């Protein structure tokens, strides 16, 4: 009986560790993809920065805060936040989402 109980506890611990580990991996991957997109803007001569990036695995929701993009010397775009729900990668540079909410959009 003790062996069965120990086996069930070990399975529960491994399952929980696997879930949290995969969740951390997914957050890291989402952050890396967003950072790569901003790096493409920087490499083409523009300026781009962002604040906190968050990813929720069960709902596949990506949130990016405090975005500032200056693709050239004439224009500057500021966005307080972008939230994409049910986000999926299509290929290396494109994604799709069921909904995208943008807050605090300014163009100067």
Protein backbone atom coordinates (compact mmCIF):
# COMPACT_ATOMS: atom_id res chain seq x y z
CA UNK A 1 0.00 0.00 0.00
CA UNK A 2 2.86 2.38 0.85
CA UNK A 3 4.48 1.74 -2.53
CA UNK A 4 1.29 2.62 -4.39
CA UNK A 5 0.88 5.82 -2.38
CA UNK A 6 4.52 6.80 -2.94
CA UNK A 7 4.12 6.06 -6.66
CA UNK A 8 0.99 8.23 -6.89
CA UNK A 9 2.69 11.10 -5.05
CA UNK A 10 5.74 10.82 -7.32
CA UNK A 11 3.50 10.82 -10.41
CA UNK A 12 1.64 13.91 -9.15
CA UNK A 13 4.90 15.74 -8.46
CA UNK A 14 6.28 14.84 -11.89
CA UNK A 15 3.04 15.89 -13.58
CA UNK A 16 2.95 19.25 -11.79
CA UNK A 17 6.64 19.83 -12.53
CA UNK A 18 6.06 19.00 -16.19
CA UNK A 19 3.11 21.42 -16.42
CA UNK A 20 4.99 24.30 -14.80
CA UNK A 21 8.12 23.53 -16.80
CA UNK A 22 6.19 23.56 -20.08
CA UNK A 23 4.44 26.78 -19.03
CA UNK A 24 7.82 28.45 -18.39
CA UNK A 25 9.12 27.17 -21.74
CA UNK A 26 6.07 28.60 -23.53
CA UNK A 27 6.55 31.99 -21.83
CA UNK A 28 10.23 32.01 -22.79
CA UNK A 29 9.41 31.12 -26.40
CA UNK A 30 6.73 33.85 -26.66
CA UNK A 31 9.14 36.43 -25.22
CA UNK A 32 11.86 35.34 -27.65
CA UNK A 33 9.48 35.65 -30.63
CA UNK A 34 8.39 39.17 -29.62
CA UNK A 35 12.00 40.21 -29.02
CA UNK A 36 12.97 38.85 -32.46
CA UNK A 37 10.26 40.98 -34.09
CA UNK A 38 11.55 44.09 -32.34
CA UNK A 39 15.11 43.19 -33.33
CA UNK A 40 14.07 43.06 -37.00
CA UNK A 41 12.85 46.67 -36.68
CA UNK A 42 16.12 47.71 -35.00
CA UNK A 43 18.26 45.96 -37.61
CA UNK A 44 16.53 47.88 -40.41
CA UNK A 45 17.55 51.19 -38.82
CA UNK A 46 14.50 51.95 -36.70
CA UNK A 47 14.11 52.27 -32.97
CA UNK A 48 11.88 49.87 -31.05
CA UNK A 49 11.39 49.13 -27.37
CA UNK A 50 8.81 47.45 -25.19
CA UNK A 51 8.00 46.88 -21.55
CA UNK A 52 6.70 43.74 -19.87
CA UNK A 53 5.76 40.72 -21.99
CA UNK A 54 3.37 38.15 -20.51
CA UNK A 55 2.03 34.87 -21.93
CA UNK A 56 -0.83 32.79 -20.51
CA UNK A 57 -0.61 29.23 -21.84
CA UNK A 58 -4.17 27.95 -21.19
CA UNK A 59 -5.77 30.84 -23.13
CA UNK A 60 -2.74 31.48 -25.41
CA UNK A 61 -2.91 35.18 -24.54
CA UNK A 62 0.09 37.43 -25.20
CA UNK A 63 0.30 40.87 -23.55
CA UNK A 64 2.97 43.45 -24.44
CA UNK A 65 3.15 46.76 -22.55
CA UNK A 66 4.79 50.16 -23.20
CA UNK A 67 5.65 49.82 -26.89
CA UNK A 68 7.58 52.62 -28.63
CA UNK A 69 8.50 52.31 -32.31
CA UNK A 70 10.23 54.91 -34.50
CA UNK A 71 10.65 53.36 -37.96
CA UNK A 72 12.11 56.58 -39.37
CA UNK A 73 13.02 60.06 -38.22
CA UNK A 74 9.60 61.52 -39.09
CA UNK A 75 7.20 59.23 -37.23
CA UNK A 76 6.95 57.75 -33.77
CA UNK A 77 4.36 55.25 -32.58
CA UNK A 78 3.55 54.68 -28.91
CA UNK A 79 1.21 51.97 -27.64
CA UNK A 80 0.32 51.50 -23.98
CA UNK A 81 -0.51 47.83 -24.49
CA UNK A 82 -1.40 45.07 -26.94
CA UNK A 83 -3.27 41.94 -25.90
CA UNK A 84 -3.71 39.06 -28.34
CA UNK A 85 -6.04 36.19 -27.43
CA UNK A 86 -5.75 32.65 -28.84
CA UNK A 87 -2.45 33.47 -30.57
CA UNK A 88 -0.97 31.02 -33.08
CA UNK A 89 2.26 31.20 -35.10
CA UNK A 90 1.71 30.81 -38.83
CA UNK A 91 5.39 30.87 -39.79
CA UNK A 92 8.61 32.59 -38.69
CA UNK A 93 7.33 36.16 -39.09
CA UNK A 94 3.51 35.92 -39.04
CA UNK A 95 0.94 35.07 -36.40
CA UNK A 96 -2.82 34.99 -36.08
CA UNK A 97 -5.11 35.69 -33.14
CA UNK A 98 -8.84 35.49 -32.50
CA UNK A 99 -8.79 39.02 -31.07
CA UNK A 100 -6.22 41.79 -30.68
CA UNK A 101 -6.90 44.65 -28.25
CA UNK A 102 -4.78 47.81 -28.52
CA UNK A 103 -4.82 50.48 -25.79
CA UNK A 104 -3.26 53.95 -25.76
CA UNK A 105 -2.34 54.22 -29.45
CA UNK A 106 -0.48 57.46 -30.37
CA UNK A 107 1.25 58.52 -33.58
CA UNK A 108 3.54 61.57 -33.62
